[in-house]
N, C-alpha and C. Protein backbone atom coordinates (compact mmCIF):
# COMPACT_ATOMS: atom_id res chain seq x y z
N UNK A 1 0.58 -1.05 -0.09
CA UNK A 1 -0.14 -0.19 -0.08
C UNK A 1 0.84 1.47 -0.23
N UNK A 2 0.56 2.17 -0.19
CA UNK A 2 0.93 3.96 -0.65
C UNK A 2 1.15 4.09 0.77
N UNK A 3 2.50 5.03 0.86
CA UNK A 3 2.10 5.43 2.28
C UNK A 3 2.12 6.71 2.07
N UNK A 4 1.74 7.56 3.25
CA UNK A 4 1.08 8.75 3.38
C UNK A 4 1.64 9.55 4.49
N UNK A 5 2.52 10.74 4.01
CA UNK A 5 2.91 11.75 4.75
C UNK A 5 1.84 11.91 5.16
N UNK A 6 1.93 13.48 6.57
CA UNK A 6 1.08 14.53 6.97
C UNK A 6 0.27 15.34 5.67
N UNK A 7 1.38 15.64 4.93
CA UNK A 7 1.17 16.43 3.75
C UNK A 7 0.20 16.11 2.77
N UNK A 8 0.90 14.62 2.71
CA UNK A 8 0.02 13.94 1.53
C UNK A 8 -1.46 13.90 1.98
N UNK A 9 -1.35 13.85 3.11
CA UNK A 9 -2.97 13.74 4.01
C UNK A 9 -3.74 14.58 3.72
N UNK A 10 -2.73 16.02 4.49
CA UNK A 10 -3.88 17.08 4.15
C UNK A 10 -4.04 17.62 2.79
N UNK A 11 -3.82 16.84 1.90
CA UNK A 11 -3.86 17.93 0.38
C UNK A 11 -4.77 16.78 -0.48
N UNK A 12 -4.78 15.34 0.17
CA UNK A 12 -5.98 14.78 -0.28
C UNK A 12 -7.29 14.28 0.64
N UNK A 13 -7.30 14.68 1.69
CA UNK A 13 -8.33 15.43 2.20
C UNK A 13 -9.07 16.45 1.38
N UNK A 14 -8.20 17.84 0.95
CA UNK A 14 -9.18 18.71 0.31
C UNK A 14 -9.60 17.98 -0.74
N UNK A 15 -9.20 17.25 -1.40
CA UNK A 15 -10.02 16.87 -2.32
C UNK A 15 -11.34 15.67 -2.39
N UNK A 16 -11.10 14.97 -0.99
CA UNK A 16 -12.19 14.43 -0.60
C UNK A 16 -13.21 15.08 -0.22
N UNK A 17 -12.81 16.43 0.29
CA UNK A 17 -14.11 17.43 1.21
C UNK A 17 -14.33 17.81 -0.45
N UNK A 18 -13.93 17.82 -1.51
CA UNK A 18 -14.27 19.00 -2.51
C UNK A 18 -14.89 18.00 -3.63
N UNK A 19 -15.57 16.83 -2.84
CA UNK A 19 -15.51 15.42 -4.07
C UNK A 19 -14.48 15.12 -5.31
N UNK A 20 -13.61 14.82 -4.57
CA UNK A 20 -12.56 14.74 -5.43
C UNK A 20 -11.24 15.01 -5.58
N UNK A 21 -12.27 16.62 -5.85
CA UNK A 21 -11.39 17.59 -6.99
C UNK A 21 -10.27 19.22 -5.77
N UNK A 22 -10.19 20.00 -5.70
CA UNK A 22 -9.61 20.94 -5.20
C UNK A 22 -8.82 21.50 -6.31
N UNK A 23 -8.17 22.85 -5.91
CA UNK A 23 -8.00 23.80 -6.60
C UNK A 23 -6.55 24.62 -5.78
N UNK A 24 -5.83 25.42 -6.34
CA UNK A 24 -4.75 26.21 -5.47
C UNK A 24 -5.47 27.00 -4.36
N UNK A 25 -7.13 27.90 -4.46
CA UNK A 25 -7.35 28.36 -3.73
C UNK A 25 -7.98 27.71 -2.81
N UNK A 26 -8.14 26.28 -2.91
CA UNK A 26 -8.91 25.33 -1.93
C UNK A 26 -7.56 25.62 -0.71
N UNK A 27 -6.16 25.01 -1.51
CA UNK A 27 -4.71 25.26 -0.56
C UNK A 27 -4.96 26.66 0.19
N UNK A 28 -4.65 27.47 -0.74
CA UNK A 28 -4.69 28.74 -0.20
C UNK A 28 -5.52 28.96 1.16
N UNK A 29 -6.65 28.63 0.95
CA UNK A 29 -7.87 28.65 2.11
C UNK A 29 -7.69 27.86 3.67
N UNK A 30 -6.71 26.58 3.33
CA UNK A 30 -6.28 25.88 4.03
C UNK A 30 -5.09 26.08 5.20
N UNK A 31 -4.77 25.36 6.13
CA UNK A 31 -3.93 25.22 7.14
C UNK A 31 -2.25 24.85 5.36
N UNK A 32 -2.17 24.29 4.69
CA UNK A 32 -1.62 23.65 3.87
C UNK A 32 -0.98 25.46 3.27
N UNK A 33 -1.34 26.42 3.53
CA UNK A 33 -0.71 27.88 3.24
C UNK A 33 0.55 28.12 4.02
N UNK A 34 0.67 27.33 4.62
CA UNK A 34 2.19 28.08 6.26
C UNK A 34 2.70 27.37 5.82
N UNK A 35 2.62 26.28 4.82
CA UNK A 35 4.29 25.39 4.54
C UNK A 35 4.89 26.38 3.22
N UNK A 36 4.11 26.90 2.69
CA UNK A 36 5.42 28.19 1.56
C UNK A 36 5.00 27.50 -0.19
N UNK A 37 5.11 27.93 -0.54
CA UNK A 37 5.07 27.60 -2.18
C UNK A 37 5.76 26.57 -2.57
N UNK A 38 7.06 26.31 -2.30
CA UNK A 38 7.77 25.33 -2.76
C UNK A 38 7.84 23.84 -2.33
N UNK A 39 7.30 23.67 -0.48
CA UNK A 39 6.86 22.67 -0.33
C UNK A 39 5.48 22.11 -0.66
N UNK A 40 4.70 23.46 -0.46
CA UNK A 40 3.30 22.56 -1.61
C UNK A 40 3.69 22.55 -2.85
N UNK A 41 4.45 22.95 -3.97
CA UNK A 41 4.35 22.21 -5.11
C UNK A 41 5.32 21.03 -5.04
N UNK A 42 5.98 21.15 -4.48
CA UNK A 42 6.67 19.20 -4.12
C UNK A 42 6.26 18.43 -3.58
N UNK A 43 5.49 19.05 -2.75
CA UNK A 43 4.49 17.50 -2.00
C UNK A 43 2.74 16.87 -3.17
N UNK A 44 2.62 18.76 -3.89
CA UNK A 44 1.90 17.87 -5.51
C UNK A 44 2.55 17.67 -6.24
N UNK A 45 3.87 16.94 -6.88
CA UNK A 45 4.52 16.72 -7.66
C UNK A 45 4.93 15.11 -6.85
N UNK A 46 5.05 15.11 -6.00
CA UNK A 46 5.32 13.76 -5.15
C UNK A 46 4.25 12.67 -5.51
N UNK A 47 3.08 13.70 -4.58
CA UNK A 47 1.40 13.01 -5.37
C UNK A 47 1.14 12.45 -6.71
N UNK A 48 1.11 13.06 -7.57
CA UNK A 48 1.30 12.89 -8.71
C UNK A 48 2.33 12.04 -9.72
N UNK A 49 3.36 12.11 -8.52
CA UNK A 49 4.16 10.78 -9.06
C UNK A 49 3.88 9.52 -8.97
N UNK A 50 3.42 9.22 -7.64
CA UNK A 50 2.62 8.13 -7.05
C UNK A 50 1.60 8.04 -7.77
N UNK A 51 0.92 9.00 -8.30
CA UNK A 51 -0.31 8.46 -9.06
C UNK A 51 -1.66 8.66 -7.82
N UNK A 52 -0.96 9.43 -7.04
CA UNK A 52 -2.76 9.63 -6.56
C UNK A 52 -3.11 10.86 -6.18
N UNK A 53 -3.02 11.86 -7.72
CA UNK A 53 -3.41 12.98 -8.06
C UNK A 53 -2.97 13.08 -9.42
N UNK A 54 -4.10 13.39 -10.04
CA UNK A 54 -3.61 13.91 -11.27
C UNK A 54 -4.58 15.06 -11.54
N UNK A 55 -4.35 16.13 -12.73
CA UNK A 55 -4.96 16.93 -13.25
C UNK A 55 -5.82 17.56 -14.29
N UNK A 56 -6.93 17.97 -13.64
CA UNK A 56 -7.90 18.19 -14.47
C UNK A 56 -7.48 19.48 -15.65
N UNK A 57 -8.58 19.02 -16.89
CA UNK A 57 -8.21 20.39 -17.86
C UNK A 57 -8.32 21.58 -17.43
N UNK A 58 -8.73 21.89 -16.24
CA UNK A 58 -9.13 23.33 -16.16
C UNK A 58 -7.60 23.73 -15.14
N UNK A 59 -7.20 23.01 -15.22
CA UNK A 59 -5.99 23.32 -13.89
C UNK A 59 -6.11 22.85 -12.73
N UNK A 60 -6.88 22.15 -12.60
CA UNK A 60 -7.35 21.77 -10.71
C UNK A 60 -7.45 19.94 -11.01
N UNK A 61 -6.86 20.05 -9.63
CA UNK A 61 -6.83 18.38 -9.48
C UNK A 61 -7.63 17.43 -9.06
N UNK A 62 -7.63 16.42 -9.31
CA UNK A 62 -8.35 14.90 -8.80
C UNK A 62 -7.56 14.38 -7.83
N UNK A 63 -8.11 13.48 -6.69
CA UNK A 63 -7.79 12.12 -6.43
C UNK A 63 -7.88 11.04 -7.26
N UNK A 64 -7.19 10.26 -7.56
CA UNK A 64 -7.32 8.94 -7.72
C UNK A 64 -7.99 8.30 -7.18
N UNK A 65 -7.97 6.57 -8.07
CA UNK A 65 -9.31 6.08 -7.14
C UNK A 65 -7.60 4.83 -6.42
N UNK A 66 -6.75 5.44 -6.77
CA UNK A 66 -5.50 4.65 -5.75
C UNK A 66 -5.42 5.33 -4.36
N UNK A 67 -5.37 6.94 -4.48
CA UNK A 67 -5.09 7.67 -3.54
C UNK A 67 -6.56 7.12 -2.85
N UNK A 68 -8.27 7.17 -2.99
CA UNK A 68 -9.00 6.57 -2.04
C UNK A 68 -8.81 5.26 -1.49
N UNK A 69 -8.13 4.00 -1.85
CA UNK A 69 -8.07 3.09 -1.46
C UNK A 69 -6.81 3.08 -0.31
N UNK A 70 -6.14 4.21 -0.15
CA UNK A 70 -5.50 4.17 1.13
C UNK A 70 -6.66 4.21 2.16
N UNK A 71 -7.43 5.31 2.71
CA UNK A 71 -8.32 5.63 3.65
C UNK A 71 -9.91 5.60 3.43
N UNK A 72 -10.72 6.06 1.96
CA UNK A 72 -11.48 6.40 2.04
C UNK A 72 -12.67 5.16 1.00
N UNK A 73 -11.60 4.15 1.18
CA UNK A 73 -12.61 3.27 0.00
C UNK A 73 -13.67 2.23 0.81
N UNK A 74 -14.65 2.49 1.21
CA UNK A 74 -15.42 1.42 1.79
C UNK A 74 -15.52 -0.10 1.76
N UNK A 75 -14.76 -0.31 1.03
CA UNK A 75 -14.77 -1.72 1.03
C UNK A 75 -13.37 -2.23 1.98
N UNK A 76 -12.73 -1.30 2.20
CA UNK A 76 -11.54 -1.43 3.64
C UNK A 76 -12.39 -1.29 4.79
N UNK A 77 -12.45 -2.39 5.59
CA UNK A 77 -12.95 -2.49 7.18
C UNK A 77 -12.42 -0.80 7.87
N UNK A 78 -13.55 -0.28 8.59
CA UNK A 78 -13.07 0.91 8.87
C UNK A 78 -12.20 0.86 10.25
N UNK A 79 -11.82 0.17 11.13
CA UNK A 79 -10.87 0.49 11.42
C UNK A 79 -9.37 -0.39 10.85
N UNK A 80 -9.41 -0.97 9.64
CA UNK A 80 -8.09 -1.36 8.91
C UNK A 80 -7.57 0.71 8.90
N UNK A 81 -8.75 1.26 8.00
CA UNK A 81 -9.07 2.87 8.08
C UNK A 81 -7.85 3.65 9.17
N UNK A 82 -8.41 3.46 10.61
CA UNK A 82 -8.36 4.05 11.17
C UNK A 82 -6.86 3.82 11.71
N UNK A 83 -6.01 2.25 11.63
CA UNK A 83 -4.99 2.27 12.25
C UNK A 83 -4.12 2.83 11.03
N UNK A 84 -4.65 3.00 10.05
CA UNK A 84 -3.39 3.66 8.98
C UNK A 84 -3.61 5.01 8.69
N UNK A 85 -4.97 5.66 9.29
CA UNK A 85 -5.21 6.87 9.54
C UNK A 85 -3.88 7.90 11.32
N UNK A 86 -4.14 7.13 12.13
CA UNK A 86 -3.46 7.00 13.51
C UNK A 86 -1.62 6.74 13.43
N UNK A 87 -1.18 5.61 11.59
CA UNK A 87 -0.18 5.74 11.77
C UNK A 87 0.60 7.09 11.44
N UNK A 88 -0.37 7.20 10.07
CA UNK A 88 0.38 8.83 10.29
C UNK A 88 0.48 10.21 11.16
N UNK A 89 -1.02 10.33 11.96
CA UNK A 89 -0.83 10.87 12.84
C UNK A 89 -1.77 11.04 13.66
N UNK A 90 -1.75 11.48 15.39
CA UNK A 90 -2.35 11.27 16.83
C UNK A 90 -4.35 11.62 16.38
N UNK A 91 -4.75 11.27 16.91
CA UNK A 91 -6.24 12.22 16.42
C UNK A 91 -6.85 11.86 17.69
N UNK A 92 -7.95 12.93 17.39
CA UNK A 92 -9.67 12.54 18.69
C UNK A 92 -10.26 12.13 17.24
N UNK A 93 -11.09 11.65 18.17
CA UNK A 93 -12.00 10.51 17.57
C UNK A 93 -13.13 11.91 16.50
N UNK A 94 -13.29 13.25 16.77
CA UNK A 94 -13.67 14.22 16.05
C UNK A 94 -12.72 14.13 14.94
N UNK A 95 -11.07 14.44 15.04
CA UNK A 95 -10.70 14.83 13.70
C UNK A 95 -10.78 12.96 13.03
N UNK A 96 -10.41 12.20 13.25
CA UNK A 96 -11.11 11.30 13.31
C UNK A 96 -12.06 10.82 12.20
N UNK A 97 -12.76 11.28 12.45
CA UNK A 97 -14.15 11.56 11.54
C UNK A 97 -14.23 12.54 10.36
N UNK A 98 -13.53 13.87 10.98
CA UNK A 98 -13.42 14.31 10.12
C UNK A 98 -12.02 13.87 8.75
N UNK A 99 -11.25 13.17 9.08
CA UNK A 99 -10.51 12.66 8.02
C UNK A 99 -11.49 11.73 6.82
N UNK A 100 -11.73 10.88 7.75
CA UNK A 100 -12.40 9.39 7.18
C UNK A 100 -13.59 9.62 6.75
N UNK A 101 -14.48 11.06 6.71
CA UNK A 101 -15.94 11.09 6.66
C UNK A 101 -16.55 10.61 7.03
N UNK A 102 -17.03 10.02 7.62
CA UNK A 102 -17.84 9.61 8.58
C UNK A 102 -18.55 9.28 10.21
N UNK A 103 -19.45 9.69 10.45
CA UNK A 103 -20.21 9.76 11.51
C UNK A 103 -19.26 9.63 13.00
N UNK A 104 -18.95 10.26 13.77
CA UNK A 104 -18.19 10.34 14.54
C UNK A 104 -19.24 8.90 15.51
N UNK A 105 -20.21 8.95 15.65
CA UNK A 105 -21.04 7.85 16.42
C UNK A 105 -20.44 6.52 15.91
N UNK A 106 -20.41 6.78 14.77
CA UNK A 106 -19.73 5.39 14.17
C UNK A 106 -18.63 4.18 13.93
N UNK A 107 -18.19 5.35 14.47
CA UNK A 107 -16.58 5.15 14.61
C UNK A 107 -15.90 4.55 16.34
N UNK A 108 -16.59 5.25 16.99
CA UNK A 108 -16.61 4.71 18.42
C UNK A 108 -16.28 3.83 19.20
N UNK A 109 -17.21 2.70 18.24
CA UNK A 109 -16.83 1.00 18.96
C UNK A 109 -15.81 0.70 17.92
N UNK A 110 -15.53 0.84 16.82
CA UNK A 110 -14.59 0.62 16.07
C UNK A 110 -12.94 1.49 16.94
N UNK A 111 -12.88 2.61 17.25
CA UNK A 111 -11.69 2.74 18.01
C UNK A 111 -11.85 2.43 19.73
N UNK A 112 -12.84 1.74 20.29
CA UNK A 112 -12.93 1.04 21.43
C UNK A 112 -12.27 -0.48 20.87
N UNK A 113 -12.87 -1.22 20.10
CA UNK A 113 -12.28 -2.45 20.01
C UNK A 113 -10.55 -2.31 19.56
N UNK A 114 -9.69 -1.26 18.90
CA UNK A 114 -8.54 -1.23 18.69
C UNK A 114 -8.26 -0.92 20.15
N UNK A 115 -8.67 -0.35 20.64
CA UNK A 115 -8.34 0.22 21.87
C UNK A 115 -8.10 -1.27 23.05
N UNK A 116 -9.03 -1.69 22.92
CA UNK A 116 -9.09 -3.18 23.83
C UNK A 116 -8.03 -4.15 23.46
N UNK A 117 -7.50 -4.50 22.06
CA UNK A 117 -7.31 -5.21 21.08
C UNK A 117 -5.67 -4.74 21.27
N UNK A 118 -5.49 -3.44 22.29
CA UNK A 118 -4.02 -2.70 22.46
C UNK A 118 -3.11 -2.45 21.47
N UNK A 119 -4.33 -2.15 19.97
CA UNK A 119 -3.22 -1.79 19.36
C UNK A 119 -3.56 -0.34 18.85
N UNK A 120 -4.10 0.72 19.89
CA UNK A 120 -3.46 1.68 20.00
C UNK A 120 -4.13 2.10 21.51
N UNK A 121 -3.57 3.86 21.96
CA UNK A 121 -3.48 4.26 23.10
C UNK A 121 -3.96 5.49 22.80
N UNK A 122 -5.36 5.45 23.83
CA UNK A 122 -5.72 6.57 24.22
C UNK A 122 -5.02 7.46 25.37
N UNK A 123 -4.91 8.86 25.50
CA UNK A 123 -4.49 9.74 26.11
C UNK A 123 -5.65 11.18 26.49
N UNK A 124 -5.89 11.20 27.77
CA UNK A 124 -6.49 12.72 27.67
C UNK A 124 -5.81 13.79 27.73
N UNK A 125 -6.32 14.99 26.74
CA UNK A 125 -5.59 16.08 26.45
C UNK A 125 -6.37 17.20 26.96
N UNK A 126 -5.99 18.50 27.93
CA UNK A 126 -6.50 19.03 28.13
C UNK A 126 -6.33 20.24 27.27
N UNK A 127 -7.48 20.78 26.64
CA UNK A 127 -7.75 22.00 25.79
C UNK A 127 -9.08 23.01 26.13
N UNK A 128 -8.25 24.06 26.63
CA UNK A 128 -9.08 25.31 27.41
C UNK A 128 -9.69 24.49 28.47
N UNK A 129 -10.88 23.99 28.23
CA UNK A 129 -11.45 23.48 29.59
C UNK A 129 -12.22 22.47 29.68
N UNK A 130 -11.93 21.67 28.43
CA UNK A 130 -12.63 20.31 28.48
C UNK A 130 -10.93 19.27 28.07
N UNK A 131 -11.39 17.93 28.43
CA UNK A 131 -10.77 16.92 28.04
C UNK A 131 -10.97 16.62 26.75
N UNK A 132 -9.61 16.28 25.76
CA UNK A 132 -9.70 15.31 24.82
C UNK A 132 -9.67 13.91 25.35
N UNK A 133 -9.97 13.30 24.29
CA UNK A 133 -9.24 11.64 24.48
C UNK A 133 -8.70 11.49 23.19
N UNK A 134 -7.04 11.60 22.59
CA UNK A 134 -6.23 11.47 21.88
C UNK A 134 -6.12 9.99 21.49
N UNK A 135 -5.94 10.26 20.33
CA UNK A 135 -5.26 8.17 20.23
C UNK A 135 -4.29 8.76 19.15
N UNK A 136 -3.42 7.53 19.63
CA UNK A 136 -2.31 7.39 18.91
C UNK A 136 -2.15 5.99 18.49
N UNK A 137 -1.15 5.49 17.45
CA UNK A 137 -1.22 4.09 16.90
C UNK A 137 -0.08 3.80 18.08
N UNK A 138 -0.03 1.88 18.54
CA UNK A 138 1.02 1.42 19.52
C UNK A 138 1.73 0.32 18.24
N UNK A 139 3.34 0.67 18.61
CA UNK A 139 3.56 -0.59 18.02
C UNK A 139 3.27 -1.74 17.63
N UNK A 140 2.06 -2.21 18.89
CA UNK A 140 1.00 -3.51 17.81
C UNK A 140 0.76 -2.92 16.88
N UNK A 141 -0.20 -1.66 16.78
CA UNK A 141 -0.80 -1.29 15.65
C UNK A 141 -0.28 -1.31 14.80
N UNK A 142 1.27 -0.91 14.52
CA UNK A 142 1.65 -0.50 13.48
C UNK A 142 2.28 -2.59 12.74
N UNK A 143 2.56 -2.98 13.81
CA UNK A 143 2.53 -4.75 13.34
C UNK A 143 1.58 -4.74 12.24
N UNK A 144 0.07 -4.80 13.34
CA UNK A 144 -0.84 -4.81 12.60
C UNK A 144 -1.17 -4.81 11.57
N UNK A 145 -1.06 -3.47 11.19
CA UNK A 145 -0.99 -3.11 9.79
C UNK A 145 0.15 -3.66 8.29
N UNK A 146 1.38 -3.62 9.20
CA UNK A 146 2.22 -4.47 8.15
C UNK A 146 1.69 -5.44 8.02
N UNK A 147 1.02 -6.44 8.62
CA UNK A 147 0.48 -7.97 8.36
C UNK A 147 -0.71 -7.69 7.55
N UNK A 148 -1.39 -6.85 7.69
CA UNK A 148 -2.37 -6.65 6.52
C UNK A 148 -2.00 -6.28 5.80
N UNK A 149 -1.03 -5.77 4.81
CA UNK A 149 -0.15 -5.32 3.65
C UNK A 149 0.38 -6.66 3.31
N UNK A 150 0.93 -7.68 3.88
CA UNK A 150 1.34 -8.98 3.55
C UNK A 150 0.34 -10.03 3.08
N UNK A 151 -0.50 -10.04 4.37
CA UNK A 151 -1.64 -11.05 3.88
C UNK A 151 -3.18 -11.04 3.95
N UNK A 152 -3.24 -9.68 3.80
CA UNK A 152 -4.81 -9.09 3.58
C UNK A 152 -5.34 -9.50 4.98
N UNK A 153 -6.59 -8.00 4.47
CA UNK A 153 -7.54 -8.06 6.18
C UNK A 153 -8.32 -9.23 6.42
N UNK A 154 -9.02 -9.22 7.68
CA UNK A 154 -10.10 -9.84 8.06
C UNK A 154 -11.03 -8.50 8.47
N UNK A 155 -12.15 -8.88 8.24
CA UNK A 155 -13.96 -7.75 8.27
C UNK A 155 -13.61 -7.62 9.78
N UNK A 156 -12.65 -8.22 10.56
CA UNK A 156 -13.02 -7.92 11.58
C UNK A 156 -11.96 -8.38 12.53
N UNK A 157 -11.36 -7.37 13.80
CA UNK A 157 -10.02 -6.76 14.27
C UNK A 157 -9.68 -8.78 14.85
N UNK A 158 -10.43 -9.11 15.77
CA UNK A 158 -9.83 -10.46 15.71
C UNK A 158 -10.24 -11.64 15.32
N UNK A 159 -10.94 -11.59 14.08
CA UNK A 159 -11.42 -12.62 13.61
C UNK A 159 -9.86 -13.44 12.53
N UNK A 160 -9.22 -13.10 12.75
CA UNK A 160 -7.85 -14.10 12.52
C UNK A 160 -7.20 -14.94 13.52
N UNK A 161 -8.20 -14.51 14.72
CA UNK A 161 -7.66 -15.43 15.84
C UNK A 161 -8.53 -16.61 15.86
N UNK A 162 -9.56 -17.16 14.90
CA UNK A 162 -10.36 -17.65 14.84
C UNK A 162 -10.20 -19.26 14.25
N UNK A 163 -9.40 -19.02 13.48
CA UNK A 163 -8.91 -20.54 12.77
C UNK A 163 -7.52 -21.08 14.08
N UNK A 164 -6.99 -20.67 14.94
CA UNK A 164 -6.03 -21.06 16.10
C UNK A 164 -7.45 -21.44 16.97
N UNK A 165 -8.18 -21.24 17.67
CA UNK A 165 -9.26 -21.27 17.82
C UNK A 165 -10.12 -22.41 17.84
N UNK A 166 -10.19 -22.85 15.77
CA UNK A 166 -10.45 -23.56 15.47
C UNK A 166 -9.79 -25.64 15.64
N UNK A 167 -8.81 -24.92 16.28
CA UNK A 167 -7.70 -26.11 16.01
C UNK A 167 -7.71 -26.27 17.50
N UNK A 168 -7.68 -25.39 18.02
CA UNK A 168 -7.68 -26.40 19.78
C UNK A 168 -8.77 -26.88 20.17
N UNK A 169 -9.76 -26.34 19.53
CA UNK A 169 -10.88 -27.08 19.73
C UNK A 169 -10.78 -28.51 19.25
N UNK A 170 -10.61 -28.52 17.83
CA UNK A 170 -10.33 -30.36 17.36
C UNK A 170 -9.03 -31.26 17.40
N UNK A 171 -8.50 -30.78 18.51
CA UNK A 171 -7.23 -30.71 19.27
C UNK A 171 -8.18 -31.75 20.50
N UNK A 172 -8.62 -30.80 21.13
CA UNK A 172 -9.32 -30.98 22.57
C UNK A 172 -10.60 -31.86 22.13
N UNK A 173 -10.74 -32.38 20.87
CA UNK A 173 -12.21 -33.43 20.69
C UNK A 173 -10.87 -34.42 20.22
N UNK A 174 -10.13 -34.55 19.32
CA UNK A 174 -9.53 -35.92 19.26
C UNK A 174 -9.10 -36.36 20.51
N UNK A 175 -8.30 -35.36 21.33
CA UNK A 175 -8.12 -36.00 22.83
C UNK A 175 -8.94 -36.78 23.49
N UNK A 176 -10.12 -36.07 23.78
CA UNK A 176 -11.35 -36.57 24.58
C UNK A 176 -11.38 -38.01 23.87
N UNK A 177 -11.88 -37.94 22.61
CA UNK A 177 -11.95 -39.16 22.08
C UNK A 177 -11.35 -40.30 22.32
N UNK A 178 -9.95 -40.05 21.89
CA UNK A 178 -8.73 -41.27 22.33
C UNK A 178 -8.55 -41.27 23.56
N UNK A 179 -9.10 -40.47 24.84
CA UNK A 179 -8.94 -41.12 26.01
C UNK A 179 -9.79 -42.15 26.83
N UNK A 180 -11.37 -41.41 25.67
CA UNK A 180 -12.66 -43.14 26.16
C UNK A 180 -12.67 -43.97 25.73
N UNK A 181 -11.36 -44.33 24.12
CA UNK A 181 -11.55 -45.32 24.19
C UNK A 181 -10.82 -46.57 25.29
N UNK A 182 -11.08 -47.00 25.04
CA UNK A 182 -10.06 -48.27 26.12
C UNK A 182 -9.48 -49.61 25.35
N UNK A 183 -8.98 -49.57 24.19
CA UNK A 183 -8.64 -50.11 23.21
C UNK A 183 -7.72 -49.40 22.51
N UNK A 184 -7.90 -48.29 22.61
CA UNK A 184 -6.84 -47.49 21.33
C UNK A 184 -5.22 -47.37 22.10
N UNK A 185 -4.61 -48.42 21.37
CA UNK A 185 -3.31 -48.33 21.47
C UNK A 185 -2.61 -47.50 21.48
N UNK A 186 -1.37 -47.31 22.25
CA UNK A 186 -0.26 -45.91 22.33
C UNK A 186 -1.18 -44.49 22.94
N UNK A 187 -2.14 -44.15 23.76
CA UNK A 187 -3.14 -43.51 23.85
C UNK A 187 -2.29 -42.40 24.84
N UNK A 188 -1.62 -42.74 25.73
CA UNK A 188 -0.55 -41.76 26.17
C UNK A 188 0.14 -41.16 25.34
N UNK A 189 1.21 -41.51 24.25
CA UNK A 189 2.23 -40.80 23.07
C UNK A 189 1.31 -40.34 22.51
N UNK A 190 0.22 -40.35 22.17
CA UNK A 190 -0.48 -39.78 21.19
C UNK A 190 -1.10 -38.36 21.82
N UNK A 191 -1.73 -38.96 23.37
CA UNK A 191 -1.94 -37.60 23.80
C UNK A 191 -1.15 -36.72 24.29
N UNK A 192 -0.17 -36.92 24.06
CA UNK A 192 1.24 -36.16 24.45
C UNK A 192 1.57 -35.09 23.53
N UNK A 193 1.51 -36.16 22.51
CA UNK A 193 1.87 -35.65 20.79
C UNK A 193 0.86 -34.13 20.64
N UNK A 194 -0.27 -34.23 20.90
CA UNK A 194 -1.48 -33.52 20.79
C UNK A 194 -1.32 -32.50 21.82
N UNK A 195 -0.55 -32.38 23.06
CA UNK A 195 -0.40 -31.36 24.07
C UNK A 195 0.39 -30.86 22.84
N UNK A 196 1.59 -31.46 22.64
CA UNK A 196 2.91 -30.93 22.11
C UNK A 196 2.20 -29.66 21.58
N UNK A 197 1.46 -30.08 20.32
CA UNK A 197 1.16 -29.14 19.63
C UNK A 197 0.00 -27.87 19.74
N UNK A 198 -0.58 -28.32 20.68
CA UNK A 198 -1.22 -27.31 21.26
C UNK A 198 -0.35 -26.27 21.70
N UNK A 199 0.85 -26.36 22.72
CA UNK A 199 1.64 -25.53 23.14
C UNK A 199 2.50 -24.59 21.82
N UNK A 200 2.44 -25.25 20.94
CA UNK A 200 3.66 -24.90 19.77
C UNK A 200 2.39 -23.78 19.02
N UNK A 201 1.20 -23.76 18.79
CA UNK A 201 0.23 -22.93 18.36
C UNK A 201 -0.03 -21.66 19.22
N UNK A 202 0.59 -21.84 20.54
CA UNK A 202 0.46 -21.00 21.59
C UNK A 202 0.90 -19.79 21.28
N UNK A 203 2.41 -20.29 20.81
CA UNK A 203 3.29 -19.52 20.63
C UNK A 203 3.29 -18.05 19.67
């Protein structure tokens, strides 16, 4: 998957907010203006080289399907997109909602699952008179992203654990059947080997 930097993210987000398109005026009216013309031009050129943006006939820009696939493809599970976003920058749930263009209420459960699975960390941050929950990715979350890129993603954060659990259940069933069979030869040896398999699967 194409890796995005913070400036990449901010530029592409302009396009997402503009129904896939943005122009120089959009950049000037955004926080990107503070970067200066040189850095913005370099960032635009880099995005174009990586086929994440392209030019419209009127000189404005549009973001490509490849760019949309990084964070804004509805075929990709929301929790994966949250992890990818947090790999770029720490965010509050409100900011995550803004970048991913999804209602905050539909993100809270996914964020909480990621936190409970120790893939992200929540830290309270005081801003003026209120406390904001800020989320950042943990090393385990980064490893999860790497694994997703290598093997593909599951629809649920914990879904990939199911096959291993099913193997344990099969082993336990075999173990039980062997134990209950009075005439089964080498019973102890086979049970020992099954236990050894279970131990190796736990690693």
